[in-house]
N, C-alpha and C. Protein backbone atom coordinates (compact mmCIF):
# COMPACT_ATOMS: atom_id res chain seq x y z
N MET A 1 129.93 34.88 46.55
CA MET A 1 130.47 36.15 45.37
C MET A 1 129.13 37.45 45.46
N THR A 2 128.96 36.65 45.05
CA THR A 2 127.34 37.54 44.87
C THR A 2 126.41 38.01 46.40
N ASN A 3 127.06 37.37 47.61
CA ASN A 3 126.06 38.65 48.68
C ASN A 3 127.23 39.22 49.08
N SER A 4 128.77 39.32 48.22
CA SER A 4 129.85 40.14 48.40
C SER A 4 129.04 41.23 47.33
N ARG A 5 128.99 41.36 46.58
CA ARG A 5 128.17 42.41 45.17
C ARG A 5 127.11 43.01 46.24
N GLN A 6 125.78 41.74 46.32
CA GLN A 6 124.71 42.95 47.46
C GLN A 6 125.05 43.86 47.64
N GLN A 7 125.89 43.13 48.92
CA GLN A 7 127.01 44.10 50.14
C GLN A 7 127.37 45.33 49.49
N SER A 8 127.48 45.23 48.08
CA SER A 8 129.44 46.39 47.95
C SER A 8 127.33 47.09 47.47
N LYS A 9 126.27 46.41 46.49
CA LYS A 9 126.05 48.00 46.00
C LYS A 9 124.87 48.37 46.66
N ALA A 10 124.40 47.46 47.62
CA ALA A 10 124.00 48.30 49.18
C ALA A 10 124.65 50.15 49.45
N ALA A 11 125.68 49.02 50.58
CA ALA A 11 126.68 50.73 50.89
C ALA A 11 126.69 51.39 49.55
N THR A 12 126.76 51.52 48.71
CA THR A 12 127.19 52.58 46.80
C THR A 12 125.81 53.13 47.37
N ILE A 13 123.93 52.80 47.34
CA ILE A 13 123.54 53.19 47.40
C ILE A 13 122.80 53.68 48.83
N ASP A 14 123.72 53.26 49.88
CA ASP A 14 123.27 54.20 51.26
C ASP A 14 124.30 55.68 50.88
N MET A 15 125.07 55.16 50.26
CA MET A 15 126.11 56.32 50.04
C MET A 15 126.20 57.70 49.30
N ILE A 16 125.28 57.26 49.01
CA ILE A 16 124.22 58.34 47.13
C ILE A 16 123.29 58.38 47.93
N LEU A 17 122.49 57.91 48.50
CA LEU A 17 121.61 58.66 49.24
C LEU A 17 122.21 59.73 50.56
N ARG A 18 122.33 59.07 51.62
CA ARG A 18 123.17 60.21 51.91
C ARG A 18 123.61 61.61 52.24
N SER A 19 124.33 61.04 50.79
CA SER A 19 125.19 62.30 50.02
C SER A 19 124.43 63.25 48.79
N ALA A 20 122.86 62.81 48.72
CA ALA A 20 121.77 63.26 48.05
C ALA A 20 120.98 64.06 49.15
N ARG A 21 120.33 63.16 50.49
CA ARG A 21 120.44 64.25 51.98
C ARG A 21 121.42 65.13 51.77
N ALA A 22 122.12 65.30 52.38
CA ALA A 22 123.22 66.29 52.49
C ALA A 22 123.03 67.94 51.44
N GLU A 23 122.93 66.88 50.07
CA GLU A 23 122.59 67.99 49.34
C GLU A 23 121.78 69.16 49.05
N PHE A 24 120.51 67.63 49.16
CA PHE A 24 119.03 68.54 48.23
C PHE A 24 118.90 69.60 50.54
N ALA A 25 119.84 69.15 51.48
CA ALA A 25 119.34 69.47 52.42
C ALA A 25 120.10 71.42 52.47
N GLU A 26 121.00 71.08 52.01
CA GLU A 26 122.03 71.97 51.63
C GLU A 26 121.36 73.05 51.20
N HIS A 27 120.69 73.04 49.94
CA HIS A 27 120.51 73.36 48.72
C HIS A 27 118.94 73.57 47.98
N GLY A 28 118.26 73.00 48.41
CA GLY A 28 116.68 72.25 47.64
C GLY A 28 116.70 71.50 46.41
N LEU A 29 115.83 70.49 46.33
CA LEU A 29 115.28 70.28 45.43
C LEU A 29 115.57 71.22 43.80
N GLU A 30 115.98 71.80 44.13
CA GLU A 30 115.47 72.96 42.92
C GLU A 30 117.19 73.12 42.28
N LYS A 31 117.54 73.98 43.29
CA LYS A 31 119.26 73.89 43.15
C LYS A 31 119.80 72.54 43.30
N ALA A 32 119.78 71.44 43.70
CA ALA A 32 120.67 70.36 44.62
C ALA A 32 120.99 69.90 42.28
N ASN A 33 122.51 69.88 42.71
CA ASN A 33 123.24 69.02 41.66
C ASN A 33 123.73 68.11 41.46
N VAL A 34 123.07 67.13 40.85
CA VAL A 34 123.19 65.67 40.88
C VAL A 34 124.74 65.09 40.84
N LYS A 35 125.57 65.50 39.84
CA LYS A 35 127.38 66.01 40.13
C LYS A 35 127.60 65.54 40.59
N LYS A 36 127.37 66.97 41.70
CA LYS A 36 127.92 67.10 43.52
C LYS A 36 127.55 66.05 44.23
N ILE A 37 126.31 65.70 44.35
CA ILE A 37 125.49 64.73 44.48
C ILE A 37 126.65 62.72 44.27
N ALA A 38 126.92 63.22 43.46
CA ALA A 38 128.58 61.74 42.89
C ALA A 38 129.25 62.60 43.43
N GLU A 39 130.62 63.82 43.45
CA GLU A 39 131.06 63.53 44.32
C GLU A 39 131.06 63.64 45.79
N ARG A 40 129.92 63.70 46.79
CA ARG A 40 129.91 63.56 47.93
C ARG A 40 129.70 62.33 47.99
N ALA A 41 129.68 61.31 46.88
CA ALA A 41 129.47 59.81 47.57
C ALA A 41 130.82 58.78 47.27
N GLY A 42 131.27 59.69 46.06
CA GLY A 42 132.41 59.65 45.00
C GLY A 42 132.55 58.30 44.83
N VAL A 43 131.41 59.13 43.96
CA VAL A 43 131.30 58.02 42.61
C VAL A 43 130.52 58.41 41.06
N THR A 44 130.10 58.42 39.85
CA THR A 44 129.99 59.17 39.15
C THR A 44 129.35 58.75 38.36
N LYS A 45 128.40 60.16 37.94
CA LYS A 45 127.15 60.87 37.92
C LYS A 45 126.58 59.56 37.40
N GLN A 46 127.48 58.93 36.54
CA GLN A 46 126.39 57.96 35.73
C GLN A 46 126.27 56.68 36.63
N LEU A 47 127.22 56.63 37.52
CA LEU A 47 125.89 55.53 38.54
C LEU A 47 124.76 55.90 38.88
N VAL A 48 125.32 57.48 39.29
CA VAL A 48 123.72 57.79 39.95
C VAL A 48 122.81 57.54 39.38
N TYR A 49 123.21 58.42 38.08
CA TYR A 49 121.64 58.00 36.96
C TYR A 49 121.26 56.04 36.79
N HIS A 50 122.23 55.54 37.14
CA HIS A 50 121.98 53.88 36.75
C HIS A 50 121.11 53.74 37.66
N TYR A 51 121.02 54.13 39.22
CA TYR A 51 119.91 53.85 40.24
C TYR A 51 118.82 54.78 40.07
N TYR A 52 119.03 55.71 39.92
CA TYR A 52 118.34 56.77 39.88
C TYR A 52 117.63 57.62 38.63
N ALA A 53 116.53 57.54 37.85
CA ALA A 53 116.54 57.74 36.82
C ALA A 53 116.08 59.70 36.48
N SER A 54 115.76 59.62 37.44
CA SER A 54 116.34 61.28 37.48
C SER A 54 116.89 61.62 39.29
N LYS A 55 116.25 62.79 39.03
CA LYS A 55 116.66 64.01 40.42
C LYS A 55 115.40 63.90 41.25
N GLU A 56 114.66 64.64 40.74
CA GLU A 56 112.56 63.70 41.33
C GLU A 56 113.21 62.62 42.04
N GLN A 57 113.82 61.69 41.92
CA GLN A 57 113.04 59.83 42.16
C GLN A 57 114.07 60.19 43.18
N LEU A 58 115.45 60.40 42.86
CA LEU A 58 115.89 60.06 43.74
C LEU A 58 115.80 60.98 44.92
N PHE A 59 114.82 62.52 44.82
CA PHE A 59 114.60 63.11 46.63
C PHE A 59 113.67 62.04 46.81
N ALA A 60 113.16 62.08 45.71
CA ALA A 60 111.31 60.87 46.55
C ALA A 60 112.02 59.63 47.09
N CYS A 61 113.08 58.76 47.11
CA CYS A 61 114.15 58.19 47.94
C CYS A 61 114.38 58.41 48.59
N VAL A 62 115.09 59.85 48.97
CA VAL A 62 115.46 60.37 50.31
C VAL A 62 114.53 60.36 51.59
N LEU A 63 113.01 61.00 50.63
CA LEU A 63 111.88 61.46 51.34
C LEU A 63 112.02 60.20 52.22
N ASP A 64 110.89 58.77 51.75
CA ASP A 64 110.88 58.30 51.26
C ASP A 64 111.96 57.03 53.20
N ALA A 65 112.85 57.61 52.89
CA ALA A 65 114.16 57.36 53.78
C ALA A 65 113.61 58.10 54.58
N SER A 66 113.81 58.99 54.84
CA SER A 66 113.71 60.11 56.02
C SER A 66 112.19 59.24 56.31
N SER A 67 110.93 59.77 56.04
CA SER A 67 109.96 58.84 56.77
C SER A 67 109.49 58.04 57.36
N ASP A 68 110.64 56.81 56.61
CA ASP A 68 110.22 55.88 57.25
C ASP A 68 111.25 56.37 58.81
N ASP A 69 112.29 56.25 58.80
CA ASP A 69 112.49 56.65 60.15
C ASP A 69 112.40 58.05 61.49
N THR A 70 111.33 58.61 60.27
CA THR A 70 110.98 59.25 61.74
C THR A 70 109.41 58.46 61.94
N MET A 71 108.43 58.42 60.97
CA MET A 71 107.57 57.79 61.28
C MET A 71 107.21 56.37 62.31
N THR A 72 108.61 55.46 62.33
CA THR A 72 107.95 54.20 62.83
C THR A 72 109.10 54.63 64.30
N THR A 73 109.70 55.67 64.72
CA THR A 73 109.93 55.83 65.93
C THR A 73 109.30 56.26 66.53
N LEU A 74 107.75 57.57 65.65
CA LEU A 74 107.11 57.70 66.72
C LEU A 74 105.80 56.61 66.28
N ALA A 75 105.62 55.69 65.92
CA ALA A 75 104.81 54.79 65.43
C ALA A 75 104.84 53.65 66.74
N ALA A 76 106.20 54.03 67.27
CA ALA A 76 107.23 53.20 68.42
C ALA A 76 106.78 53.20 69.79
N LEU A 77 105.73 54.39 70.09
CA LEU A 77 106.15 55.06 71.52
C LEU A 77 104.73 54.11 72.01
N GLU A 78 104.60 53.55 72.70
CA GLU A 78 103.80 53.86 73.62
C GLU A 78 103.44 54.48 74.88
N PHE A 79 101.58 54.57 74.38
CA PHE A 79 101.21 55.08 75.45
C PHE A 79 100.43 54.50 76.91
N GLU A 80 99.87 53.06 76.31
CA GLU A 80 99.23 52.47 77.28
C GLU A 80 99.42 52.48 78.36
N HIS A 81 100.85 52.82 79.36
CA HIS A 81 100.83 52.55 80.09
C HIS A 81 101.01 53.78 81.23
N MET A 82 100.32 55.07 80.86
CA MET A 82 101.46 55.86 80.69
C MET A 82 99.78 57.29 80.99
N ALA A 83 100.01 57.95 82.00
CA ALA A 83 98.74 58.87 82.17
C ALA A 83 98.35 59.69 80.74
N PRO A 84 97.63 60.15 80.20
CA PRO A 84 96.78 60.42 79.03
C PRO A 84 98.16 61.70 79.02
N THR A 85 98.01 62.75 79.68
CA THR A 85 98.31 63.98 80.31
C THR A 85 100.73 63.79 80.19
N GLU A 86 101.40 62.26 80.18
CA GLU A 86 101.98 62.51 80.42
C GLU A 86 102.55 61.95 79.01
N GLY A 87 101.31 61.28 78.65
CA GLY A 87 101.37 60.71 77.11
C GLY A 87 101.44 61.53 75.77
N LEU A 88 101.18 62.14 76.12
CA LEU A 88 100.30 63.82 74.81
C LEU A 88 102.41 64.03 75.37
N LYS A 89 102.72 64.75 76.29
CA LYS A 89 104.05 65.57 75.99
C LYS A 89 104.95 64.47 75.99
N LEU A 90 104.86 63.56 76.33
CA LEU A 90 106.22 62.08 75.36
C LEU A 90 105.98 62.49 74.49
N PHE A 91 104.78 62.94 73.33
CA PHE A 91 104.79 62.12 71.44
C PHE A 91 105.39 63.77 71.50
N LEU A 92 104.95 64.98 72.18
CA LEU A 92 105.24 66.40 71.59
C LEU A 92 106.56 66.43 71.91
N GLU A 93 107.47 65.80 72.52
CA GLU A 93 108.52 66.20 72.74
C GLU A 93 109.03 65.22 71.58
N ARG A 94 109.22 63.62 71.58
CA ARG A 94 109.82 62.78 70.68
C ARG A 94 109.84 63.63 69.23
N LEU A 95 108.30 64.18 69.24
CA LEU A 95 108.57 65.08 67.16
C LEU A 95 109.35 65.91 67.76
N PHE A 96 109.02 66.95 68.48
CA PHE A 96 110.61 68.32 68.51
C PHE A 96 112.00 67.59 68.52
N ASP A 97 111.89 66.77 69.39
CA ASP A 97 113.50 66.01 68.72
C ASP A 97 113.92 65.10 67.97
N ALA A 98 113.13 64.42 67.08
CA ALA A 98 112.64 64.12 65.37
C ALA A 98 113.51 65.09 64.89
N TYR A 99 113.38 66.67 64.72
CA TYR A 99 113.27 68.44 64.06
C TYR A 99 114.56 68.50 64.20
N GLN A 100 114.26 68.17 65.76
CA GLN A 100 116.17 69.13 66.45
C GLN A 100 117.18 68.16 66.29
N SER A 101 116.70 67.26 66.25
CA SER A 101 118.44 66.60 66.18
C SER A 101 118.56 65.88 65.31
N ASP A 102 117.66 66.30 64.00
CA ASP A 102 118.66 66.17 62.88
C ASP A 102 117.69 67.20 61.86
N PRO A 103 118.76 67.92 62.28
CA PRO A 103 118.42 69.25 60.86
C PRO A 103 118.13 69.40 59.39
N GLU A 104 118.90 68.28 59.09
CA GLU A 104 118.51 67.60 57.38
C GLU A 104 117.25 67.89 57.25
N LEU A 105 116.85 66.77 58.55
CA LEU A 105 115.59 66.64 57.82
C LEU A 105 114.19 67.38 57.90
N ALA A 106 115.07 69.03 58.93
CA ALA A 106 114.22 70.34 58.74
C ALA A 106 114.24 70.68 57.53
N SER A 107 115.06 70.58 56.84
CA SER A 107 115.38 71.04 55.66
C SER A 107 114.89 70.53 54.36
N ILE A 108 114.70 69.37 54.32
CA ILE A 108 114.41 68.83 53.00
C ILE A 108 113.03 68.75 53.14
N ALA A 109 112.22 68.33 54.93
CA ALA A 109 111.20 68.62 54.92
C ALA A 109 110.35 69.12 54.63
N THR A 110 110.60 70.76 54.19
CA THR A 110 110.25 71.77 53.36
C THR A 110 109.63 71.23 52.24
N ASP A 111 111.20 71.40 51.38
CA ASP A 111 110.80 70.69 49.77
C ASP A 111 109.79 69.40 49.68
N GLY A 112 109.56 68.29 50.95
CA GLY A 112 109.22 67.61 50.67
C GLY A 112 107.41 67.77 51.05
N ILE A 113 107.15 69.26 52.04
CA ILE A 113 106.09 68.86 51.73
C ILE A 113 104.86 69.81 49.49
N ARG A 114 105.83 70.12 49.49
CA ARG A 114 105.86 70.66 48.64
C ARG A 114 105.74 69.68 46.76
N PHE A 115 106.58 69.14 47.27
CA PHE A 115 106.97 67.65 46.30
C PHE A 115 105.81 66.76 46.17
N HIS A 116 105.04 66.10 48.08
CA HIS A 116 103.96 65.55 47.47
C HIS A 116 102.48 65.89 47.51
N ASP A 117 102.38 67.69 47.08
CA ASP A 117 101.53 67.95 46.69
C ASP A 117 101.43 67.36 45.40
N SER A 118 102.25 66.83 44.16
CA SER A 118 102.20 66.95 43.00
C SER A 118 102.89 65.35 42.36
N HIS A 119 103.39 64.88 43.60
CA HIS A 119 104.01 63.23 43.20
C HIS A 119 103.28 62.42 44.36
N THR A 120 103.70 61.37 44.04
CA THR A 120 103.83 60.47 44.74
C THR A 120 105.22 59.51 44.81
N THR A 121 104.97 58.95 46.10
CA THR A 121 107.18 57.77 46.41
C THR A 121 106.61 56.69 46.47
N PRO A 122 106.89 55.36 46.45
CA PRO A 122 106.88 54.68 46.24
C PRO A 122 106.78 53.70 47.87
N GLY A 123 107.83 54.70 48.75
CA GLY A 123 107.79 54.30 49.73
C GLY A 123 107.64 54.63 51.05
N ASN A 124 106.25 55.93 50.77
CA ASN A 124 105.85 56.62 51.31
C ASN A 124 105.23 56.46 53.03
N ARG A 125 106.29 56.04 53.82
CA ARG A 125 105.34 55.87 55.50
C ARG A 125 104.57 56.49 56.16
N PHE A 126 104.51 57.46 55.96
CA PHE A 126 103.20 58.58 56.47
C PHE A 126 101.93 58.14 55.68
N ILE A 127 101.98 57.04 54.68
CA ILE A 127 100.77 56.19 54.28
C ILE A 127 100.59 55.18 55.06
N ASP A 128 102.12 54.38 55.38
CA ASP A 128 101.15 53.67 55.82
C ASP A 128 101.53 53.54 57.16
N LEU A 129 102.29 53.90 58.37
CA LEU A 129 101.62 54.62 59.62
C LEU A 129 101.12 55.65 59.50
N GLY A 130 100.82 56.57 59.15
CA GLY A 130 100.46 57.89 59.43
C GLY A 130 99.20 56.95 60.52
N PRO A 131 97.52 56.36 59.86
CA PRO A 131 97.00 55.97 59.88
C PRO A 131 97.29 55.05 61.25
N GLN A 132 98.34 54.49 61.57
CA GLN A 132 98.71 53.47 63.00
C GLN A 132 98.97 55.31 63.83
N LEU A 133 99.75 55.75 63.86
CA LEU A 133 99.95 56.59 64.39
C LEU A 133 98.53 57.90 65.25
N THR A 134 97.88 58.10 63.98
CA THR A 134 96.52 58.91 64.43
C THR A 134 95.34 57.81 65.25
N ASP A 135 95.87 56.82 65.31
CA ASP A 135 94.75 55.91 65.66
C ASP A 135 95.32 55.43 67.39
N LYS A 136 96.97 55.22 67.08
CA LYS A 136 97.23 55.93 68.74
C LYS A 136 96.99 56.96 69.74
N MET A 137 97.44 58.28 68.87
CA MET A 137 96.74 59.16 69.69
C MET A 137 95.54 59.32 69.90
N LYS A 138 94.45 59.15 68.70
CA LYS A 138 93.53 59.54 69.18
C LYS A 138 92.37 58.67 70.47
N ARG A 139 93.64 57.73 70.68
CA ARG A 139 93.66 56.18 71.46
C ARG A 139 93.34 56.90 72.61
N LEU A 140 94.97 57.29 72.92
CA LEU A 140 95.40 58.65 73.84
C LEU A 140 94.36 59.24 74.91
N ILE A 141 94.58 60.10 73.36
CA ILE A 141 93.22 61.67 73.39
C ILE A 141 92.26 61.37 73.77
N GLU A 142 91.20 60.05 73.74
CA GLU A 142 90.44 59.40 74.26
C GLU A 142 89.95 59.14 75.85
N ARG A 143 91.21 58.28 75.95
CA ARG A 143 91.03 58.08 77.64
C ARG A 143 91.31 58.95 78.25
N GLY A 144 91.85 60.49 77.76
CA GLY A 144 92.40 61.07 78.76
C GLY A 144 91.18 62.18 78.71
N ILE A 145 90.23 62.37 77.97
CA ILE A 145 88.17 62.86 77.85
C ILE A 145 87.39 61.91 78.77
N ALA A 146 87.87 60.05 78.12
CA ALA A 146 87.26 59.40 79.21
C ALA A 146 87.28 59.44 80.86
N THR A 147 88.31 60.28 81.44
CA THR A 147 89.02 59.97 83.14
C THR A 147 88.77 61.59 82.74
N LYS A 148 88.40 62.37 82.52
CA LYS A 148 87.96 63.51 82.63
C LYS A 148 89.36 64.19 83.03
N GLU A 149 90.37 63.65 82.72
CA GLU A 149 91.36 64.46 82.38
C GLU A 149 91.80 65.65 81.26
N PHE A 150 91.51 65.18 80.04
CA PHE A 150 90.51 66.23 79.12
C PHE A 150 89.62 66.60 79.05
N LYS A 151 89.64 68.21 77.96
CA LYS A 151 88.72 68.36 78.31
C LYS A 151 87.11 67.28 77.52
N THR A 152 85.79 67.63 77.76
CA THR A 152 85.19 66.53 76.77
C THR A 152 84.62 66.87 75.66
N ASP A 153 84.65 68.52 75.33
CA ASP A 153 84.09 68.49 74.17
C ASP A 153 85.49 68.71 72.91
N LEU A 154 86.44 67.48 72.74
CA LEU A 154 87.39 67.97 71.57
C LEU A 154 87.20 66.67 70.85
N ASN A 155 87.73 67.35 69.75
CA ASN A 155 87.84 66.69 68.94
C ASN A 155 89.88 65.59 68.59
N PRO A 156 89.37 64.17 69.16
CA PRO A 156 90.86 63.67 69.24
C PRO A 156 91.65 63.71 68.17
N GLU A 157 90.95 63.71 66.76
CA GLU A 157 92.14 63.90 65.92
C GLU A 157 92.49 64.94 65.51
N LEU A 158 91.53 66.55 65.39
CA LEU A 158 92.73 67.14 65.24
C LEU A 158 93.25 68.15 66.17
N ILE A 159 93.33 67.13 67.62
CA ILE A 159 93.65 68.20 68.59
C ILE A 159 95.31 66.93 67.63
N PHE A 160 95.61 66.12 68.03
CA PHE A 160 96.35 65.46 67.18
C PHE A 160 97.18 66.14 66.15
N VAL A 161 96.30 66.48 64.73
CA VAL A 161 96.85 67.10 63.89
C VAL A 161 97.23 68.67 63.77
N THR A 162 96.82 69.51 65.12
CA THR A 162 96.74 70.73 65.51
C THR A 162 98.62 70.59 66.00
N ALA A 163 98.79 69.74 66.47
CA ALA A 163 99.55 69.45 67.62
C ALA A 163 101.28 68.86 66.47
N CYS A 164 100.78 68.32 65.74
CA CYS A 164 101.38 68.03 64.50
C CYS A 164 101.68 69.21 63.87
N LEU A 165 100.69 69.92 63.05
CA LEU A 165 100.96 71.18 62.12
C LEU A 165 102.05 72.27 63.51
N MET A 166 101.72 72.69 64.14
CA MET A 166 102.32 73.62 65.46
C MET A 166 103.84 73.25 65.63
N VAL A 167 104.51 71.74 65.72
CA VAL A 167 105.75 71.55 65.96
C VAL A 167 106.48 71.52 63.81
N ALA A 168 105.71 70.22 63.68
CA ALA A 168 106.88 71.12 62.18
C ALA A 168 106.76 71.82 61.60
N GLY A 169 105.72 72.39 61.81
CA GLY A 169 105.94 74.15 61.21
C GLY A 169 106.65 74.84 61.98
N ALA A 170 107.24 74.76 62.37
CA ALA A 170 109.22 75.59 63.04
C ALA A 170 109.70 75.10 62.44
N TYR A 171 109.96 73.73 62.12
CA TYR A 171 110.94 73.79 60.90
C TYR A 171 110.81 73.82 59.62
N THR A 172 109.57 73.87 59.46
CA THR A 172 109.08 73.86 57.48
C THR A 172 108.48 75.05 57.10
N ASN A 173 107.97 76.24 57.57
CA ASN A 173 107.49 77.57 57.54
C ASN A 173 108.32 78.43 58.22
N ARG A 174 110.18 78.37 58.64
CA ARG A 174 110.41 79.02 59.03
C ARG A 174 110.28 80.85 59.00
N TYR A 175 109.74 81.08 58.23
CA TYR A 175 109.48 82.94 57.25
C TYR A 175 108.69 83.27 58.77
N ILE A 176 107.28 82.24 58.61
CA ILE A 176 106.20 83.00 59.23
C ILE A 176 106.67 83.59 60.67
N ILE A 177 107.61 82.48 61.27
CA ILE A 177 107.32 82.56 62.86
C ILE A 177 108.40 83.90 62.15
N ASP A 178 109.35 83.91 62.47
CA ASP A 178 110.66 85.20 61.91
C ASP A 178 110.07 86.47 61.22
N SER A 179 108.88 86.57 60.68
CA SER A 179 108.67 87.23 60.51
C SER A 179 108.45 88.26 61.10
N LEU A 180 106.75 87.73 61.82
CA LEU A 180 105.92 87.65 62.54
C LEU A 180 106.48 88.11 64.31
N SER A 181 107.16 87.28 64.39
CA SER A 181 107.99 87.56 66.25
C SER A 181 108.96 87.96 65.94
N THR A 182 109.39 88.14 67.04
CA THR A 182 111.15 88.16 67.80
C THR A 182 111.90 87.35 67.98
N ILE A 183 110.80 85.59 67.74
CA ILE A 183 112.08 84.94 67.86
C ILE A 183 112.78 84.16 66.33
N SER A 184 113.32 83.91 66.60
CA SER A 184 115.05 83.61 65.56
C SER A 184 114.69 82.11 65.55
N THR A 185 114.21 80.94 64.32
CA THR A 185 114.23 79.83 64.40
C THR A 185 115.84 79.61 63.76
N ARG A 186 116.44 80.01 63.44
CA ARG A 186 117.65 79.73 63.72
C ARG A 186 118.49 79.76 64.87
N ASN A 187 118.28 80.07 65.91
CA ASN A 187 118.73 80.24 67.17
C ASN A 187 118.22 78.79 68.50
N SER A 188 119.03 78.11 68.50
CA SER A 188 118.08 77.48 69.55
C SER A 188 117.59 77.62 70.60
N GLU A 189 117.68 79.13 71.04
CA GLU A 189 117.28 79.29 72.65
C GLU A 189 116.19 79.08 72.47
N ASP A 190 115.94 79.71 70.83
CA ASP A 190 114.54 80.36 70.41
C ASP A 190 114.01 79.64 70.54
N MET A 191 114.68 78.60 69.85
CA MET A 191 113.22 76.79 69.49
C MET A 191 113.10 76.32 70.83
N GLN A 192 113.61 76.66 71.70
CA GLN A 192 113.43 76.30 73.03
C GLN A 192 112.66 76.88 73.27
N VAL A 193 112.33 78.01 73.49
CA VAL A 193 110.93 78.72 73.79
C VAL A 193 110.19 78.49 73.15
N TRP A 194 109.97 78.28 72.00
CA TRP A 194 108.77 77.41 70.64
C TRP A 194 108.15 75.98 71.25
N ARG A 195 109.27 75.55 71.48
CA ARG A 195 109.35 73.88 71.78
C ARG A 195 108.62 74.46 73.82
N SER A 196 108.99 74.80 74.54
CA SER A 196 108.28 74.71 75.32
C SER A 196 106.93 75.46 75.70
N PHE A 197 106.41 76.73 75.09
CA PHE A 197 105.33 77.64 74.56
C PHE A 197 104.22 76.52 74.10
N THR A 198 104.99 75.84 72.44
CA THR A 198 103.98 74.69 72.12
C THR A 198 103.33 74.31 72.64
N SER A 199 104.24 72.99 74.06
CA SER A 199 103.64 71.75 75.08
C SER A 199 102.72 72.86 75.56
N ASP A 200 103.82 73.98 76.11
CA ASP A 200 102.16 74.17 77.23
C ASP A 200 100.88 74.51 77.17
N LEU A 201 100.99 75.38 75.17
CA LEU A 201 99.57 76.00 74.76
C LEU A 201 98.78 74.77 74.20
N ILE A 202 99.68 73.38 74.04
CA ILE A 202 98.51 72.16 73.53
C ILE A 202 97.65 71.82 74.84
N LEU A 203 99.46 71.84 75.92
CA LEU A 203 98.17 70.52 76.71
C LEU A 203 97.15 71.62 78.28
N ALA A 204 97.36 73.04 78.14
CA ALA A 204 96.04 74.38 78.32
C ALA A 204 94.89 74.03 77.28
N ALA A 205 94.73 73.52 76.32
CA ALA A 205 94.01 73.62 75.41
C ALA A 205 93.52 72.18 75.45
N VAL A 206 93.69 71.19 76.06
CA VAL A 206 92.98 70.33 76.14
C VAL A 206 93.02 69.88 78.15
N LEU A 207 93.54 70.41 79.04
CA LEU A 207 93.73 69.66 79.91
C LEU A 207 92.39 70.19 80.89
N ALA A 208 91.28 69.34 81.29
CA ALA A 208 90.27 69.83 82.31
C ALA A 208 90.63 70.85 82.98
N PRO A 209 89.78 71.80 83.40
CA PRO A 209 89.87 72.61 84.84
C PRO A 209 89.93 71.76 85.76
N GLN A 210 90.46 71.45 86.77
CA GLN A 210 90.35 70.90 87.72
C GLN A 210 89.09 71.97 88.95
N PRO A 211 88.68 70.73 89.81
CA PRO A 211 88.67 71.90 90.88
C PRO A 211 88.66 72.14 91.84
N GLN A 212 87.85 73.37 92.57
CA GLN A 212 89.25 74.38 93.07
C GLN A 212 88.80 73.65 94.23
N GLU A 213 89.92 73.61 95.49
CA GLU A 213 89.35 73.14 96.92
C GLU A 213 89.28 73.97 97.86
N PRO A 214 88.11 73.24 98.78
CA PRO A 214 87.66 74.82 98.86
C PRO A 214 88.74 75.81 100.00
N LYS A 215 88.33 75.96 100.61
CA LYS A 215 88.81 77.39 101.44
C LYS A 215 89.06 76.86 102.99
């Protein structure tokens, strides 16, 4: 009986979180409505507040669940068996995939960046898994430097951060791209152009010049 109640509670919380994620993605943190979240979940507003003290706490839990999914997937990538260039390409592809396959993630991440500036969240997986992913990517880039596949004057950590900003920024700062270029971040074909451009630019920045074969 107890196990059945626990399963029912877990299912209810999961439904509330999924409904809240959709509401936050559609309307943003400020305009999201707890009553509408409850309606989406098929529960009462009072039950939502039973589990979450405020809309902000609910948003924090949605952020934590999203960061858990994304960071766990990225941190699980294995590069040791791959050439550094191929490993870097794979990382960029998987990072783009995380946003492209999940439109809600891009929407809540925009508010999430501002939220994390002034709030801490109890289950932020960026804190737990971020250093692991950074270390893994640094080792990949350092291996490319050691084998002279990559330029020798690179700062591996900054290359990794720059790559993350270029990918995430296309989804969390759409206004800049849409205002300063002819690309529309709302258009899937244009986003594919940005995806290819980003990957090509980062690789061009890190790859060492190859010796010319004598004619």
